[in-house]
Amino acid sequence: MPVEIRKLVVTREDVDFEGFKSTEKTIRRVTVAAVIKNPMAGRYEENLSPIFDIGEELGDRLCRIGMEELGGAVESYGKACIVGMDGELEHGGAILHPKLGYAMRKAIGLPCRALIPGNKKVGNPGGKIDIPLGFRDEAALRSHYDTIPEAGVFDAPRADELVVIVALTDGGRPHPRIGGKGMADYLARLAQEATTRQEG
């Protein structure tokens, strides 16, 4: 089923200061939103598989746009969907879950072993949604538990539309210090795995 895109909206924020001090590096956070026609709007359909491929197409396309805007390696990612009022929540699930995440991982081209956090809701034009973020390779990396708040498009979704959003960052939370695993632990594990392979 072909996707009908009304518009694409890209947002980018560069975080250099948070709380009471400068960040160790600039943390870039990008969202790419597609406002699309909901081909299932206005009726109940038992079989939602025809829109799975829309998720796959958008996962690839939006992720590639986001990576170009990010300008560096993806550390954290997330996904979200706002469903217009003539749709249902499960339409968002059909877009986000069966194929969109796999397409994102393939576009990023890294192991991306962790599930991609996601969120969905039904809403009106101008509605916002919080997008949960997680580290791409290890869900337990506590330094990267994060959220992009209130993402959305000012005139969408119309009743028969969906807003599909991909979120990418090149860093975790500013000044993480609540304990648990962080990037240093992850990099140490990678080094250990490399040593083990060489010795084997």
N, C-alpha and C. Protein backbone atom coordinates (compact mmCIF):
# COMPACT_ATOMS: atom_id res chain seq x y z
N MET A 1 0.85 -1.19 0.00
CA MET A 1 0.00 0.00 0.00
C MET A 1 0.89 1.24 0.00
N PRO A 2 0.76 2.11 -1.01
CA PRO A 2 1.63 3.29 -1.08
C PRO A 2 1.29 4.30 0.02
N VAL A 3 2.31 5.01 0.50
CA VAL A 3 2.10 6.01 1.53
C VAL A 3 1.85 7.37 0.88
N GLU A 4 0.85 8.09 1.38
CA GLU A 4 0.55 9.44 0.90
C GLU A 4 1.03 10.44 1.96
N ILE A 5 2.10 11.14 1.66
CA ILE A 5 2.70 12.08 2.60
C ILE A 5 2.25 13.50 2.28
N ARG A 6 1.66 14.17 3.27
CA ARG A 6 1.29 15.58 3.09
C ARG A 6 2.45 16.50 3.38
N LYS A 7 3.24 16.20 4.39
CA LYS A 7 4.41 17.03 4.68
C LYS A 7 5.38 16.26 5.57
N LEU A 8 6.63 16.71 5.54
CA LEU A 8 7.67 16.23 6.44
C LEU A 8 8.14 17.40 7.27
N VAL A 9 8.33 17.19 8.56
CA VAL A 9 8.76 18.25 9.47
C VAL A 9 9.97 17.74 10.26
N VAL A 10 11.07 18.50 10.18
CA VAL A 10 12.31 18.13 10.88
C VAL A 10 12.58 19.16 11.97
N THR A 11 12.88 18.67 13.18
CA THR A 11 13.29 19.57 14.26
C THR A 11 14.66 19.13 14.77
N ARG A 12 15.44 20.10 15.22
CA ARG A 12 16.76 19.79 15.77
C ARG A 12 17.04 20.71 16.93
N GLU A 13 17.55 20.14 18.01
CA GLU A 13 18.02 20.96 19.11
C GLU A 13 19.43 20.53 19.48
N ASP A 14 20.28 21.52 19.75
CA ASP A 14 21.65 21.29 20.19
C ASP A 14 21.75 21.74 21.64
N VAL A 15 22.00 20.81 22.53
CA VAL A 15 22.03 21.10 23.96
C VAL A 15 23.48 21.32 24.39
N ASP A 16 23.77 22.53 24.85
CA ASP A 16 25.12 22.88 25.31
C ASP A 16 25.16 23.22 26.80
N PHE A 17 24.01 23.41 27.38
CA PHE A 17 23.95 23.79 28.79
C PHE A 17 22.68 23.22 29.37
N GLU A 18 22.78 22.58 30.53
CA GLU A 18 21.61 21.99 31.17
C GLU A 18 21.77 22.13 32.67
N GLY A 19 20.71 22.51 33.33
CA GLY A 19 20.77 22.66 34.77
C GLY A 19 21.65 23.84 35.16
N PHE A 20 22.83 23.56 35.64
CA PHE A 20 23.68 24.62 36.17
C PHE A 20 25.07 24.62 35.56
N LYS A 21 25.29 23.85 34.47
CA LYS A 21 26.63 23.81 33.89
C LYS A 21 26.57 23.38 32.42
N SER A 22 27.66 23.66 31.73
CA SER A 22 27.77 23.26 30.34
C SER A 22 27.88 21.74 30.22
N THR A 23 27.41 21.22 29.12
CA THR A 23 27.54 19.79 28.86
C THR A 23 28.97 19.49 28.42
N GLU A 24 29.39 18.23 28.58
CA GLU A 24 30.74 17.85 28.17
C GLU A 24 30.91 17.99 26.66
N LYS A 25 29.86 17.76 25.93
CA LYS A 25 29.84 17.95 24.48
C LYS A 25 28.44 18.41 24.10
N THR A 26 28.32 18.99 22.92
CA THR A 26 26.99 19.32 22.41
C THR A 26 26.22 18.03 22.15
N ILE A 27 25.01 17.98 22.67
CA ILE A 27 24.14 16.82 22.44
C ILE A 27 23.07 17.24 21.43
N ARG A 28 23.07 16.58 20.30
CA ARG A 28 22.10 16.91 19.26
C ARG A 28 20.94 15.92 19.30
N ARG A 29 19.73 16.46 19.23
CA ARG A 29 18.50 15.66 19.28
C ARG A 29 17.63 16.05 18.09
N VAL A 30 17.25 15.07 17.30
CA VAL A 30 16.54 15.32 16.04
C VAL A 30 15.24 14.52 16.01
N THR A 31 14.19 15.14 15.52
CA THR A 31 12.97 14.40 15.21
C THR A 31 12.60 14.65 13.75
N VAL A 32 12.07 13.62 13.12
CA VAL A 32 11.56 13.74 11.75
C VAL A 32 10.14 13.19 11.76
N ALA A 33 9.19 14.05 11.40
CA ALA A 33 7.78 13.68 11.42
C ALA A 33 7.22 13.64 10.00
N ALA A 34 6.46 12.62 9.70
CA ALA A 34 5.73 12.54 8.43
C ALA A 34 4.24 12.61 8.73
N VAL A 35 3.56 13.52 8.07
CA VAL A 35 2.11 13.60 8.15
C VAL A 35 1.55 12.85 6.96
N ILE A 36 0.86 11.74 7.22
CA ILE A 36 0.43 10.87 6.13
C ILE A 36 -1.08 10.60 6.21
N LYS A 37 -1.61 10.21 5.08
CA LYS A 37 -3.01 9.77 5.01
C LYS A 37 -3.14 8.43 5.72
N ASN A 38 -4.19 8.28 6.53
CA ASN A 38 -4.47 7.01 7.19
C ASN A 38 -5.40 6.20 6.29
N PRO A 39 -4.88 5.17 5.62
CA PRO A 39 -5.73 4.43 4.70
C PRO A 39 -6.80 3.59 5.39
N MET A 40 -6.73 3.48 6.72
CA MET A 40 -7.73 2.72 7.46
C MET A 40 -8.72 3.62 8.19
N ALA A 41 -8.66 4.92 7.96
CA ALA A 41 -9.52 5.86 8.69
C ALA A 41 -11.00 5.62 8.37
N GLY A 42 -11.83 5.80 9.40
CA GLY A 42 -13.28 5.81 9.20
C GLY A 42 -13.96 4.47 9.19
N ARG A 43 -13.22 3.39 9.46
CA ARG A 43 -13.86 2.07 9.44
C ARG A 43 -13.02 1.10 10.27
N TYR A 44 -13.64 0.00 10.65
CA TYR A 44 -12.92 -1.06 11.35
C TYR A 44 -12.42 -2.07 10.33
N GLU A 45 -11.15 -2.40 10.40
CA GLU A 45 -10.55 -3.44 9.56
C GLU A 45 -9.89 -4.46 10.48
N GLU A 46 -10.25 -5.71 10.34
CA GLU A 46 -9.63 -6.76 11.15
C GLU A 46 -8.16 -6.95 10.78
N ASN A 47 -7.87 -6.89 9.49
CA ASN A 47 -6.52 -7.13 8.99
C ASN A 47 -5.82 -5.80 8.73
N LEU A 48 -4.83 -5.48 9.56
CA LEU A 48 -4.09 -4.23 9.39
C LEU A 48 -2.77 -4.42 8.66
N SER A 49 -2.49 -5.62 8.20
CA SER A 49 -1.20 -5.87 7.56
C SER A 49 -0.93 -5.01 6.32
N PRO A 50 -1.96 -4.54 5.59
CA PRO A 50 -1.64 -3.69 4.45
C PRO A 50 -0.88 -2.41 4.80
N ILE A 51 -0.98 -1.95 6.07
CA ILE A 51 -0.23 -0.72 6.40
C ILE A 51 1.10 -1.01 7.10
N PHE A 52 1.44 -2.29 7.29
CA PHE A 52 2.75 -2.61 7.86
C PHE A 52 3.87 -2.05 6.99
N ASP A 53 3.71 -2.17 5.66
CA ASP A 53 4.76 -1.72 4.74
C ASP A 53 4.93 -0.21 4.77
N ILE A 54 3.88 0.52 5.13
CA ILE A 54 4.02 1.97 5.30
C ILE A 54 5.01 2.26 6.42
N GLY A 55 4.90 1.51 7.52
CA GLY A 55 5.86 1.67 8.60
C GLY A 55 7.28 1.38 8.14
N GLU A 56 7.44 0.33 7.35
CA GLU A 56 8.78 -0.01 6.85
C GLU A 56 9.35 1.11 5.99
N GLU A 57 8.54 1.62 5.08
CA GLU A 57 9.01 2.70 4.20
C GLU A 57 9.37 3.95 5.00
N LEU A 58 8.52 4.30 5.96
CA LEU A 58 8.79 5.51 6.76
C LEU A 58 9.97 5.31 7.70
N GLY A 59 10.12 4.11 8.26
CA GLY A 59 11.26 3.86 9.13
C GLY A 59 12.57 4.13 8.43
N ASP A 60 12.68 3.68 7.19
CA ASP A 60 13.89 3.92 6.41
C ASP A 60 14.04 5.39 6.03
N ARG A 61 12.99 5.95 5.46
CA ARG A 61 13.09 7.32 4.93
C ARG A 61 13.31 8.35 6.03
N LEU A 62 12.52 8.27 7.10
CA LEU A 62 12.64 9.26 8.16
C LEU A 62 13.96 9.11 8.91
N CYS A 63 14.40 7.87 9.09
CA CYS A 63 15.67 7.65 9.78
C CYS A 63 16.84 8.21 8.98
N ARG A 64 16.82 8.04 7.68
CA ARG A 64 17.91 8.57 6.84
C ARG A 64 17.95 10.09 6.87
N ILE A 65 16.78 10.71 6.84
CA ILE A 65 16.73 12.17 6.96
C ILE A 65 17.28 12.60 8.32
N GLY A 66 16.87 11.90 9.37
CA GLY A 66 17.33 12.23 10.71
C GLY A 66 18.82 12.04 10.88
N MET A 67 19.38 10.99 10.30
CA MET A 67 20.82 10.75 10.40
C MET A 67 21.61 11.86 9.70
N GLU A 68 21.11 12.31 8.57
CA GLU A 68 21.78 13.40 7.87
C GLU A 68 21.76 14.67 8.72
N GLU A 69 20.64 14.94 9.35
CA GLU A 69 20.53 16.12 10.21
C GLU A 69 21.37 15.96 11.48
N LEU A 70 21.46 14.74 11.97
CA LEU A 70 22.24 14.48 13.18
C LEU A 70 23.72 14.72 12.93
N GLY A 71 24.19 14.30 11.76
CA GLY A 71 25.58 14.56 11.38
C GLY A 71 26.60 13.75 12.16
N GLY A 72 26.19 12.68 12.78
CA GLY A 72 27.10 11.85 13.56
C GLY A 72 26.46 10.53 13.89
N ALA A 73 27.13 9.75 14.71
CA ALA A 73 26.63 8.42 15.06
C ALA A 73 25.38 8.50 15.92
N VAL A 74 24.44 7.62 15.66
CA VAL A 74 23.22 7.53 16.47
C VAL A 74 23.55 6.80 17.76
N GLU A 75 23.24 7.43 18.90
CA GLU A 75 23.37 6.76 20.19
C GLU A 75 22.02 6.29 20.72
N SER A 76 21.03 7.17 20.69
CA SER A 76 19.70 6.81 21.20
C SER A 76 18.66 7.01 20.12
N TYR A 77 17.55 6.24 20.26
CA TYR A 77 16.48 6.39 19.30
C TYR A 77 15.13 6.15 19.94
N GLY A 78 14.10 6.59 19.23
CA GLY A 78 12.73 6.40 19.67
C GLY A 78 11.79 6.59 18.50
N LYS A 79 10.51 6.29 18.71
CA LYS A 79 9.52 6.40 17.63
C LYS A 79 8.17 6.69 18.26
N ALA A 80 7.29 7.32 17.49
CA ALA A 80 5.97 7.66 18.02
C ALA A 80 4.99 7.86 16.87
N CYS A 81 3.70 7.79 17.21
CA CYS A 81 2.65 8.03 16.22
C CYS A 81 1.45 8.69 16.90
N ILE A 82 0.93 9.73 16.27
CA ILE A 82 -0.32 10.35 16.69
C ILE A 82 -1.36 10.04 15.62
N VAL A 83 -2.45 9.42 16.03
CA VAL A 83 -3.50 8.98 15.12
C VAL A 83 -4.63 9.99 15.15
N GLY A 84 -5.10 10.41 13.97
CA GLY A 84 -6.23 11.32 13.89
C GLY A 84 -7.52 10.68 14.38
N MET A 85 -8.52 11.50 14.65
CA MET A 85 -9.73 11.06 15.35
C MET A 85 -10.58 10.06 14.57
N ASP A 86 -10.41 9.96 13.26
CA ASP A 86 -11.14 8.95 12.49
C ASP A 86 -10.39 7.63 12.41
N GLY A 87 -9.27 7.56 13.12
CA GLY A 87 -8.52 6.32 13.20
C GLY A 87 -8.65 5.72 14.59
N GLU A 88 -7.86 4.68 14.84
CA GLU A 88 -7.85 4.05 16.16
C GLU A 88 -6.42 3.80 16.59
N LEU A 89 -6.23 3.63 17.88
CA LEU A 89 -4.90 3.47 18.45
C LEU A 89 -4.11 2.36 17.77
N GLU A 90 -4.80 1.28 17.41
CA GLU A 90 -4.10 0.14 16.81
C GLU A 90 -3.51 0.47 15.44
N HIS A 91 -4.04 1.50 14.78
CA HIS A 91 -3.42 1.93 13.53
C HIS A 91 -1.99 2.43 13.79
N GLY A 92 -1.81 3.13 14.90
CA GLY A 92 -0.47 3.56 15.27
C GLY A 92 0.43 2.37 15.56
N GLY A 93 -0.13 1.36 16.23
CA GLY A 93 0.65 0.16 16.49
C GLY A 93 1.06 -0.55 15.20
N ALA A 94 0.15 -0.57 14.23
CA ALA A 94 0.45 -1.24 12.96
C ALA A 94 1.55 -0.52 12.19
N ILE A 95 1.62 0.78 12.34
CA ILE A 95 2.69 1.55 11.69
C ILE A 95 4.01 1.34 12.42
N LEU A 96 4.00 1.41 13.74
CA LEU A 96 5.25 1.46 14.52
C LEU A 96 5.92 0.11 14.73
N HIS A 97 5.15 -0.94 14.95
CA HIS A 97 5.76 -2.13 15.55
C HIS A 97 6.19 -3.25 14.60
N PRO A 98 5.38 -3.66 13.64
CA PRO A 98 5.84 -4.82 12.88
C PRO A 98 7.09 -4.59 12.04
N LYS A 99 7.24 -3.39 11.40
CA LYS A 99 8.33 -3.23 10.44
C LYS A 99 9.13 -1.93 10.56
N LEU A 100 8.58 -0.90 11.17
CA LEU A 100 9.28 0.39 11.20
C LEU A 100 10.62 0.30 11.94
N GLY A 101 10.64 -0.38 13.07
CA GLY A 101 11.87 -0.47 13.86
C GLY A 101 12.97 -1.20 13.12
N TYR A 102 12.63 -2.29 12.44
CA TYR A 102 13.63 -3.02 11.68
C TYR A 102 14.23 -2.13 10.59
N ALA A 103 13.38 -1.36 9.92
CA ALA A 103 13.87 -0.46 8.87
C ALA A 103 14.80 0.61 9.44
N MET A 104 14.49 1.10 10.65
CA MET A 104 15.38 2.07 11.29
C MET A 104 16.75 1.45 11.57
N ARG A 105 16.75 0.25 12.14
CA ARG A 105 18.02 -0.41 12.45
C ARG A 105 18.85 -0.63 11.18
N LYS A 106 18.20 -1.05 10.13
CA LYS A 106 18.89 -1.30 8.87
C LYS A 106 19.49 -0.01 8.31
N ALA A 107 18.74 1.09 8.41
CA ALA A 107 19.23 2.37 7.91
C ALA A 107 20.42 2.85 8.72
N ILE A 108 20.37 2.67 10.03
CA ILE A 108 21.48 3.10 10.89
C ILE A 108 22.72 2.27 10.61
N GLY A 109 22.56 0.98 10.34
CA GLY A 109 23.68 0.15 9.93
C GLY A 109 24.61 -0.29 11.04
N LEU A 110 24.20 -0.10 12.30
CA LEU A 110 24.97 -0.56 13.45
C LEU A 110 24.23 -1.72 14.08
N PRO A 111 24.84 -2.41 15.06
CA PRO A 111 24.13 -3.56 15.64
C PRO A 111 22.72 -3.25 16.13
N CYS A 112 22.54 -2.12 16.82
CA CYS A 112 21.20 -1.70 17.27
C CYS A 112 20.42 -2.87 17.88
N ARG A 113 21.01 -3.44 18.94
CA ARG A 113 20.45 -4.65 19.53
C ARG A 113 19.26 -4.38 20.45
N ALA A 114 19.11 -3.14 20.89
CA ALA A 114 18.04 -2.84 21.85
C ALA A 114 16.74 -2.49 21.12
N LEU A 115 15.62 -2.86 21.75
CA LEU A 115 14.33 -2.45 21.22
C LEU A 115 14.24 -0.94 21.14
N ILE A 116 13.49 -0.45 20.18
CA ILE A 116 13.31 0.99 20.02
C ILE A 116 12.10 1.41 20.84
N PRO A 117 12.28 2.26 21.86
CA PRO A 117 11.13 2.69 22.65
C PRO A 117 10.11 3.41 21.77
N GLY A 118 8.85 3.23 22.08
CA GLY A 118 7.81 3.84 21.26
C GLY A 118 6.62 4.32 22.08
N ASN A 119 5.82 5.18 21.46
CA ASN A 119 4.64 5.73 22.10
C ASN A 119 3.61 6.04 21.02
N LYS A 120 2.35 5.96 21.35
CA LYS A 120 1.30 6.26 20.40
C LYS A 120 0.06 6.76 21.13
N LYS A 121 -0.75 7.53 20.43
CA LYS A 121 -1.97 8.07 21.01
C LYS A 121 -2.90 8.49 19.88
N VAL A 122 -4.15 8.71 20.22
CA VAL A 122 -5.12 9.32 19.31
C VAL A 122 -5.25 10.78 19.71
N GLY A 123 -5.24 11.70 18.73
CA GLY A 123 -5.29 13.11 19.08
C GLY A 123 -5.79 13.99 17.95
N ASN A 124 -5.93 15.26 18.27
CA ASN A 124 -6.41 16.28 17.34
C ASN A 124 -5.25 17.02 16.69
N PRO A 125 -5.52 17.85 15.67
CA PRO A 125 -4.46 18.66 15.08
C PRO A 125 -3.74 19.49 16.14
N GLY A 126 -2.43 19.52 16.04
CA GLY A 126 -1.63 20.23 17.02
C GLY A 126 -1.30 19.42 18.25
N GLY A 127 -1.79 18.19 18.31
CA GLY A 127 -1.52 17.34 19.46
C GLY A 127 -0.04 17.03 19.60
N LYS A 128 0.40 16.83 20.82
CA LYS A 128 1.81 16.55 21.11
C LYS A 128 1.94 15.15 21.72
N ILE A 129 3.13 14.60 21.60
CA ILE A 129 3.41 13.30 22.18
C ILE A 129 4.85 13.26 22.68
N ASP A 130 5.05 12.64 23.84
CA ASP A 130 6.39 12.44 24.37
C ASP A 130 6.99 11.19 23.73
N ILE A 131 8.24 11.29 23.29
CA ILE A 131 8.91 10.17 22.64
C ILE A 131 10.00 9.64 23.57
N PRO A 132 9.82 8.42 24.09
CA PRO A 132 10.86 7.84 24.94
C PRO A 132 12.08 7.48 24.11
N LEU A 133 13.25 7.60 24.73
CA LEU A 133 14.52 7.30 24.06
C LEU A 133 15.27 6.22 24.83
N GLY A 134 16.01 5.42 24.09
CA GLY A 134 16.87 4.42 24.72
C GLY A 134 18.12 4.23 23.89
N PHE A 135 19.18 3.75 24.53
CA PHE A 135 20.45 3.51 23.84
C PHE A 135 20.27 2.39 22.81
N ARG A 136 20.89 2.54 21.67
CA ARG A 136 20.63 1.66 20.52
C ARG A 136 21.06 0.22 20.74
N ASP A 137 22.09 -0.02 21.56
CA ASP A 137 22.66 -1.36 21.66
C ASP A 137 22.41 -2.06 22.99
N GLU A 138 21.97 -1.33 23.99
CA GLU A 138 21.79 -1.95 25.30
C GLU A 138 20.72 -1.20 26.08
N ALA A 139 19.59 -1.85 26.27
CA ALA A 139 18.45 -1.19 26.91
C ALA A 139 18.75 -0.76 28.34
N ALA A 140 19.69 -1.44 29.00
CA ALA A 140 19.98 -1.16 30.41
C ALA A 140 20.97 -0.03 30.61
N LEU A 141 21.32 0.70 29.56
CA LEU A 141 22.26 1.81 29.71
C LEU A 141 21.51 3.00 30.30
N ARG A 142 21.60 3.15 31.62
CA ARG A 142 20.77 4.10 32.35
C ARG A 142 21.05 5.55 31.97
N SER A 143 22.27 5.84 31.56
CA SER A 143 22.63 7.22 31.19
C SER A 143 21.84 7.72 29.98
N HIS A 144 21.21 6.80 29.24
CA HIS A 144 20.52 7.19 28.01
C HIS A 144 19.00 7.05 28.12
N TYR A 145 18.48 6.76 29.34
CA TYR A 145 17.03 6.81 29.52
C TYR A 145 16.61 8.28 29.38
N ASP A 146 15.82 8.59 28.40
CA ASP A 146 15.52 10.00 28.14
C ASP A 146 14.17 10.11 27.42
N THR A 147 13.75 11.33 27.17
CA THR A 147 12.50 11.61 26.48
C THR A 147 12.64 12.89 25.67
N ILE A 148 12.10 12.88 24.46
CA ILE A 148 11.88 14.13 23.73
C ILE A 148 10.44 14.52 23.98
N PRO A 149 10.22 15.62 24.70
CA PRO A 149 8.85 15.97 25.10
C PRO A 149 8.08 16.72 24.02
N GLU A 150 6.80 16.48 23.98
CA GLU A 150 5.85 17.28 23.21
C GLU A 150 6.25 17.45 21.75
N ALA A 151 6.56 16.34 21.10
CA ALA A 151 6.80 16.38 19.65
C ALA A 151 5.46 16.40 18.93
N GLY A 152 5.42 17.05 17.78
CA GLY A 152 4.18 17.10 17.02
C GLY A 152 4.27 18.08 15.88
N VAL A 153 3.15 18.23 15.17
CA VAL A 153 3.04 19.13 14.01
C VAL A 153 1.82 20.01 14.23
N PHE A 154 1.95 21.30 14.00
CA PHE A 154 0.92 22.25 14.43
C PHE A 154 -0.44 22.02 13.80
N ASP A 155 -0.49 21.49 12.58
CA ASP A 155 -1.79 21.32 11.91
C ASP A 155 -2.12 19.86 11.64
N ALA A 156 -1.56 18.99 12.43
CA ALA A 156 -1.77 17.55 12.19
C ALA A 156 -1.79 16.82 13.53
N PRO A 157 -2.46 15.65 13.55
CA PRO A 157 -3.11 14.99 12.42
C PRO A 157 -4.54 15.48 12.21
N ARG A 158 -4.90 15.68 10.95
CA ARG A 158 -6.31 15.82 10.64
C ARG A 158 -6.99 14.48 10.92
N ALA A 159 -8.31 14.49 10.88
CA ALA A 159 -9.05 13.30 11.32
C ALA A 159 -8.63 12.03 10.59
N ASP A 160 -8.29 12.17 9.30
CA ASP A 160 -7.96 10.99 8.48
C ASP A 160 -6.45 10.85 8.27
N GLU A 161 -5.66 11.38 9.21
CA GLU A 161 -4.20 11.35 9.06
C GLU A 161 -3.52 10.65 10.24
N LEU A 162 -2.25 10.41 10.04
CA LEU A 162 -1.34 9.94 11.08
C LEU A 162 -0.10 10.82 11.06
N VAL A 163 0.45 11.09 12.23
CA VAL A 163 1.76 11.73 12.32
C VAL A 163 2.72 10.66 12.85
N VAL A 164 3.68 10.31 12.02
CA VAL A 164 4.67 9.28 12.37
C VAL A 164 6.01 9.98 12.61
N ILE A 165 6.62 9.73 13.77
CA ILE A 165 7.82 10.47 14.17
C ILE A 165 8.94 9.52 14.54
N VAL A 166 10.11 9.79 14.02
CA VAL A 166 11.34 9.09 14.39
C VAL A 166 12.22 10.08 15.14
N ALA A 167 12.83 9.64 16.24
CA ALA A 167 13.70 10.50 17.04
C ALA A 167 15.08 9.86 17.16
N LEU A 168 16.13 10.68 16.97
CA LEU A 168 17.51 10.22 17.05
C LEU A 168 18.33 11.22 17.86
N THR A 169 19.31 10.72 18.62
CA THR A 169 20.23 11.61 19.32
C THR A 169 21.64 11.08 19.18
N ASP A 170 22.62 11.96 19.41
CA ASP A 170 24.02 11.52 19.39
C ASP A 170 24.62 11.51 20.80
N GLY A 171 23.76 11.48 21.81
CA GLY A 171 24.24 11.42 23.19
C GLY A 171 23.10 11.07 24.13
N GLY A 172 23.46 10.82 25.38
CA GLY A 172 22.46 10.52 26.39
C GLY A 172 21.98 11.78 27.09
N ARG A 173 21.49 11.64 28.32
CA ARG A 173 21.06 12.79 29.09
C ARG A 173 22.26 13.65 29.47
N PRO A 174 22.06 14.95 29.57
CA PRO A 174 23.14 15.80 30.10
C PRO A 174 23.45 15.45 31.55
N HIS A 175 24.72 15.38 31.88
CA HIS A 175 25.19 15.18 33.26
C HIS A 175 24.58 13.96 33.95
N PRO A 176 24.57 12.77 33.33
CA PRO A 176 23.98 11.60 34.01
C PRO A 176 24.80 11.22 35.23
N ARG A 177 24.15 11.05 36.38
CA ARG A 177 24.89 10.73 37.61
C ARG A 177 24.00 10.05 38.65
N ILE A 178 23.10 9.20 38.16
CA ILE A 178 22.22 8.49 39.09
C ILE A 178 22.66 7.04 39.28
N GLY A 179 23.83 6.70 38.76
CA GLY A 179 24.33 5.35 38.91
C GLY A 179 23.85 4.44 37.79
N GLY A 180 24.21 3.17 37.88
CA GLY A 180 23.87 2.23 36.83
C GLY A 180 24.84 2.34 35.67
N LYS A 181 24.55 1.59 34.62
CA LYS A 181 25.45 1.54 33.48
C LYS A 181 25.44 2.84 32.69
N GLY A 182 26.64 3.22 32.21
CA GLY A 182 26.79 4.38 31.34
C GLY A 182 27.67 4.01 30.16
N MET A 183 28.05 5.01 29.37
CA MET A 183 28.84 4.75 28.17
C MET A 183 30.17 4.11 28.49
N ALA A 184 30.79 4.47 29.60
CA ALA A 184 32.08 3.87 29.96
C ALA A 184 31.94 2.36 30.14
N ASP A 185 30.86 1.92 30.76
CA ASP A 185 30.62 0.49 30.93
C ASP A 185 30.40 -0.20 29.58
N TYR A 186 29.66 0.45 28.72
CA TYR A 186 29.39 -0.12 27.40
C TYR A 186 30.67 -0.26 26.60
N LEU A 187 31.49 0.79 26.58
CA LEU A 187 32.75 0.74 25.82
C LEU A 187 33.71 -0.29 26.40
N ALA A 188 33.71 -0.44 27.73
CA ALA A 188 34.56 -1.46 28.36
C ALA A 188 34.11 -2.85 27.93
N ARG A 189 32.80 -3.06 27.85
CA ARG A 189 32.30 -4.37 27.41
C ARG A 189 32.69 -4.66 25.97
N LEU A 190 32.61 -3.65 25.10
CA LEU A 190 33.01 -3.84 23.71
C LEU A 190 34.49 -4.20 23.62
N ALA A 191 35.31 -3.53 24.41
CA ALA A 191 36.75 -3.82 24.41
C ALA A 191 37.01 -5.25 24.87
N GLN A 192 36.28 -5.67 25.90
CA GLN A 192 36.44 -7.04 26.40
C GLN A 192 36.02 -8.06 25.36
N GLU A 193 34.92 -7.79 24.68
CA GLU A 193 34.47 -8.71 23.63
C GLU A 193 35.49 -8.79 22.50
N ALA A 194 36.09 -7.65 22.13
CA ALA A 194 37.10 -7.66 21.08
C ALA A 194 38.32 -8.47 21.50
N THR A 195 38.73 -8.32 22.75
CA THR A 195 39.88 -9.08 23.27
C THR A 195 39.58 -10.57 23.25
N THR A 196 38.38 -10.93 23.66
CA THR A 196 37.98 -12.33 23.69
C THR A 196 38.00 -12.93 22.29
N ARG A 197 37.53 -12.19 21.30
CA ARG A 197 37.54 -12.68 19.92
C ARG A 197 38.97 -12.90 19.43
N GLN A 198 39.84 -11.94 19.75
CA GLN A 198 41.24 -12.07 19.31
C GLN A 198 41.92 -13.28 19.96
N GLU A 199 41.62 -13.51 21.22
CA GLU A 199 42.22 -14.64 21.92
C GLU A 199 41.66 -15.97 21.46
N GLY A 200 40.42 -15.91 20.98
CA GLY A 200 39.79 -17.16 20.53
C GLY A 200 40.29 -17.58 19.18
